[in-house]
Amino acid sequence: MNGKNNHSHPDRQGFSIQDILWALGIWSVILTLSPVVLFYVLMVN
């Protein structure tokens, strides 16, 4: 099973799939929370 299974963890050549998924997850959280924070700040002030 460990014969040709060495491309699942690349040696840091560009981006891997998990890095892209992490970036998309973080940006989706930021983009969905920023209007809520702006709305909260506008309502408090």
PDB file of N, CA and C in Angstrom:
ATOM      1  N   MET A   1       0.843  -1.203   0.000  1.00  0.00           N
ATOM      2  CA  MET A   1       0.000   0.000   0.000  1.00  0.00           C
ATOM      3  C   MET A   1       0.875   1.249   0.000  1.00  0.00           C
ATOM      4  N   ASN A   2       2.081   1.141   0.494  1.00  0.00           N
ATOM      5  CA  ASN A   2       2.947   2.317   0.536  1.00  0.00           C
ATOM      6  C   ASN A   2       3.950   2.323  -0.613  1.00  0.00           C
ATOM      7  N   GLY A   3       3.568   1.709  -1.737  1.00  0.00           N
ATOM      8  CA  GLY A   3       4.486   1.661  -2.872  1.00  0.00           C
ATOM      9  C   GLY A   3       4.456   2.949  -3.666  1.00  0.00           C
ATOM     10  N   LYS A   4       3.289   3.281  -4.243  1.00  0.00           N
ATOM     11  CA  LYS A   4       3.201   4.492  -5.059  1.00  0.00           C
ATOM     12  C   LYS A   4       2.208   5.478  -4.467  1.00  0.00           C
ATOM     13  N   ASN A   5       2.177   5.542  -3.160  1.00  0.00           N
ATOM     14  CA  ASN A   5       1.231   6.431  -2.487  1.00  0.00           C
ATOM     15  C   ASN A   5       1.964   7.648  -1.942  1.00  0.00           C
ATOM     16  N   ASN A   6       3.003   8.101  -2.635  1.00  0.00           N
ATOM     17  CA  ASN A   6       3.818   9.195  -2.112  1.00  0.00           C
ATOM     18  C   ASN A   6       3.429  10.536  -2.720  1.00  0.00           C
ATOM     19  N   HIS A   7       2.373  10.581  -3.535  1.00  0.00           N
ATOM     20  CA  HIS A   7       1.967  11.881  -4.085  1.00  0.00           C
ATOM     21  C   HIS A   7       0.827  12.500  -3.281  1.00  0.00           C
ATOM     22  N   SER A   8       0.397  11.820  -2.214  1.00  0.00           N
ATOM     23  CA  SER A   8      -0.655  12.395  -1.375  1.00  0.00           C
ATOM     24  C   SER A   8      -0.084  13.487  -0.481  1.00  0.00           C
ATOM     25  N   HIS A   9       1.206  13.408  -0.162  1.00  0.00           N
ATOM     26  CA  HIS A   9       1.875  14.459   0.605  1.00  0.00           C
ATOM     27  C   HIS A   9       3.041  14.992  -0.226  1.00  0.00           C
ATOM     28  N   PRO A  10       2.792  16.017  -1.043  1.00  0.00           N
ATOM     29  CA  PRO A  10       3.873  16.546  -1.891  1.00  0.00           C
ATOM     30  C   PRO A  10       4.906  17.299  -1.074  1.00  0.00           C
ATOM     31  N   ASP A  11       6.080  17.437  -1.628  1.00  0.00           N
ATOM     32  CA  ASP A  11       7.174  18.106  -0.922  1.00  0.00           C
ATOM     33  C   ASP A  11       7.102  19.613  -1.128  1.00  0.00           C
ATOM     34  N   ARG A  12       5.965  20.179  -0.771  1.00  0.00           N
ATOM     35  CA  ARG A  12       5.790  21.629  -0.782  1.00  0.00           C
ATOM     36  C   ARG A  12       6.084  22.245  -2.141  1.00  0.00           C
ATOM     37  N   GLN A  13       5.478  21.684  -3.172  1.00  0.00           N
ATOM     38  CA  GLN A  13       5.596  22.300  -4.491  1.00  0.00           C
ATOM     39  C   GLN A  13       4.299  23.072  -4.767  1.00  0.00           C
ATOM     40  N   GLY A  14       4.324  24.363  -4.514  1.00  0.00           N
ATOM     41  CA  GLY A  14       3.128  25.170  -4.688  1.00  0.00           C
ATOM     42  C   GLY A  14       2.102  24.888  -3.598  1.00  0.00           C
ATOM     43  N   PHE A  15       0.837  24.881  -3.991  1.00  0.00           N
ATOM     44  CA  PHE A  15      -0.236  24.661  -3.031  1.00  0.00           C
ATOM     45  C   PHE A  15      -0.725  23.233  -3.116  1.00  0.00           C
ATOM     46  N   SER A  16      -1.071  22.675  -1.976  1.00  0.00           N
ATOM     47  CA  SER A  16      -1.742  21.388  -1.975  1.00  0.00           C
ATOM     48  C   SER A  16      -3.244  21.623  -1.818  1.00  0.00           C
ATOM     49  N   ILE A  17      -4.007  20.548  -1.936  1.00  0.00           N
ATOM     50  CA  ILE A  17      -5.464  20.688  -1.876  1.00  0.00           C
ATOM     51  C   ILE A  17      -5.907  21.137  -0.488  1.00  0.00           C
ATOM     52  N   GLN A  18      -5.225  20.655   0.551  1.00  0.00           N
ATOM     53  CA  GLN A  18      -5.639  21.041   1.902  1.00  0.00           C
ATOM     54  C   GLN A  18      -5.351  22.504   2.179  1.00  0.00           C
ATOM     55  N   ASP A  19      -4.268  23.042   1.600  1.00  0.00           N
ATOM     56  CA  ASP A  19      -3.990  24.472   1.790  1.00  0.00           C
ATOM     57  C   ASP A  19      -5.076  25.314   1.134  1.00  0.00           C
ATOM     58  N   ILE A  20      -5.528  24.894  -0.058  1.00  0.00           N
ATOM     59  CA  ILE A  20      -6.581  25.645  -0.752  1.00  0.00           C
ATOM     60  C   ILE A  20      -7.895  25.539   0.025  1.00  0.00           C
ATOM     61  N   LEU A  21      -8.176  24.349   0.560  1.00  0.00           N
ATOM     62  CA  LEU A  21      -9.410  24.193   1.331  1.00  0.00           C
ATOM     63  C   LEU A  21      -9.358  25.002   2.619  1.00  0.00           C
ATOM     64  N   TRP A  22      -8.186  25.046   3.263  1.00  0.00           N
ATOM     65  CA  TRP A  22      -8.045  25.880   4.466  1.00  0.00           C
ATOM     66  C   TRP A  22      -8.251  27.349   4.126  1.00  0.00           C
ATOM     67  N   ALA A  23      -7.654  27.809   3.014  1.00  0.00           N
ATOM     68  CA  ALA A  23      -7.797  29.215   2.631  1.00  0.00           C
ATOM     69  C   ALA A  23      -9.247  29.537   2.293  1.00  0.00           C
ATOM     70  N   LEU A  24      -9.921  28.637   1.578  1.00  0.00           N
ATOM     71  CA  LEU A  24     -11.325  28.881   1.244  1.00  0.00           C
ATOM     72  C   LEU A  24     -12.198  28.894   2.493  1.00  0.00           C
ATOM     73  N   GLY A  25     -11.915  28.007   3.428  1.00  0.00           N
ATOM     74  CA  GLY A  25     -12.694  27.988   4.664  1.00  0.00           C
ATOM     75  C   GLY A  25     -12.508  29.251   5.479  1.00  0.00           C
ATOM     76  N   ILE A  26     -11.259  29.696   5.597  1.00  0.00           N
ATOM     77  CA  ILE A  26     -10.981  30.907   6.374  1.00  0.00           C
ATOM     78  C   ILE A  26     -11.609  32.128   5.708  1.00  0.00           C
ATOM     79  N   TRP A  27     -11.463  32.225   4.383  1.00  0.00           N
ATOM     80  CA  TRP A  27     -12.032  33.386   3.690  1.00  0.00           C
ATOM     81  C   TRP A  27     -13.550  33.370   3.708  1.00  0.00           C
ATOM     82  N   SER A  28     -14.155  32.169   3.657  1.00  0.00           N
ATOM     83  CA  SER A  28     -15.625  32.129   3.721  1.00  0.00           C
ATOM     84  C   SER A  28     -16.104  32.561   5.099  1.00  0.00           C
ATOM     85  N   VAL A  29     -15.387  32.166   6.148  1.00  0.00           N
ATOM     86  CA  VAL A  29     -15.759  32.603   7.496  1.00  0.00           C
ATOM     87  C   VAL A  29     -15.585  34.116   7.634  1.00  0.00           C
ATOM     88  N   ILE A  30     -14.481  34.649   7.109  1.00  0.00           N
ATOM     89  CA  ILE A  30     -14.246  36.100   7.200  1.00  0.00           C
ATOM     90  C   ILE A  30     -15.306  36.864   6.420  1.00  0.00           C
ATOM     91  N   LEU A  31     -15.616  36.398   5.212  1.00  0.00           N
ATOM     92  CA  LEU A  31     -16.578  37.128   4.388  1.00  0.00           C
ATOM     93  C   LEU A  31     -17.998  37.013   4.924  1.00  0.00           C
ATOM     94  N   THR A  32     -18.293  35.931   5.657  1.00  0.00           N
ATOM     95  CA  THR A  32     -19.638  35.839   6.222  1.00  0.00           C
ATOM     96  C   THR A  32     -19.732  36.550   7.559  1.00  0.00           C
ATOM     97  N   LEU A  33     -18.630  36.719   8.273  1.00  0.00           N
ATOM     98  CA  LEU A  33     -18.681  37.383   9.575  1.00  0.00           C
ATOM     99  C   LEU A  33     -18.498  38.895   9.477  1.00  0.00           C
ATOM    100  N   SER A  34     -17.835  39.381   8.412  1.00  0.00           N
ATOM    101  CA  SER A  34     -17.590  40.825   8.344  1.00  0.00           C
ATOM    102  C   SER A  34     -18.873  41.649   8.205  1.00  0.00           C
ATOM    103  N   PRO A  35     -19.884  41.257   7.419  1.00  0.00           N
ATOM    104  CA  PRO A  35     -21.128  42.050   7.412  1.00  0.00           C
ATOM    105  C   PRO A  35     -21.846  41.995   8.750  1.00  0.00           C
ATOM    106  N   VAL A  36     -21.761  40.864   9.453  1.00  0.00           N
ATOM    107  CA  VAL A  36     -22.408  40.762  10.763  1.00  0.00           C
ATOM    108  C   VAL A  36     -21.738  41.703  11.755  1.00  0.00           C
ATOM    109  N   VAL A  37     -20.395  41.762  11.713  1.00  0.00           N
ATOM    110  CA  VAL A  37     -19.678  42.655  12.621  1.00  0.00           C
ATOM    111  C   VAL A  37     -19.975  44.109  12.271  1.00  0.00           C
ATOM    112  N   LEU A  38     -20.009  44.433  10.988  1.00  0.00           N
ATOM    113  CA  LEU A  38     -20.319  45.818  10.590  1.00  0.00           C
ATOM    114  C   LEU A  38     -21.734  46.205  10.998  1.00  0.00           C
ATOM    115  N   PHE A  39     -22.676  45.284  10.825  1.00  0.00           N
ATOM    116  CA  PHE A  39     -24.055  45.559  11.211  1.00  0.00           C
ATOM    117  C   PHE A  39     -24.169  45.752  12.725  1.00  0.00           C
ATOM    118  N   TYR A  40     -23.422  44.937  13.476  1.00  0.00           N
ATOM    119  CA  TYR A  40     -23.448  45.061  14.943  1.00  0.00           C
ATOM    120  C   TYR A  40     -22.843  46.397  15.383  1.00  0.00           C
ATOM    121  N   VAL A  41     -21.734  46.777  14.751  1.00  0.00           N
ATOM    122  CA  VAL A  41     -21.109  48.061  15.119  1.00  0.00           C
ATOM    123  C   VAL A  41     -22.023  49.225  14.767  1.00  0.00           C
ATOM    124  N   LEU A  42     -22.688  49.149  13.615  1.00  0.00           N
ATOM    125  CA  LEU A  42     -23.595  50.241  13.232  1.00  0.00           C
ATOM    126  C   LEU A  42     -24.815  50.286  14.155  1.00  0.00           C
ATOM    127  N   MET A  43     -25.287  49.141  14.614  1.00  0.00           N
ATOM    128  CA  MET A  43     -26.445  49.160  15.489  1.00  0.00           C
ATOM    129  C   MET A  43     -26.081  49.625  16.905  1.00  0.00           C
ATOM    130  N   VAL A  44     -24.880  49.299  17.366  1.00  0.00           N
ATOM    131  CA  VAL A  44     -24.471  49.736  18.703  1.00  0.00           C
ATOM    132  C   VAL A  44     -24.220  51.236  18.696  1.00  0.00           C
ATOM    133  N   ASN A  45     -23.552  51.719  17.677  1.00  0.00           N
ATOM    134  CA  ASN A  45     -23.320  53.158  17.615  1.00  0.00           C
ATOM    135  C   ASN A  45     -24.562  53.857  17.110  1.00  0.00           C
TER     136      ASN A  45
END
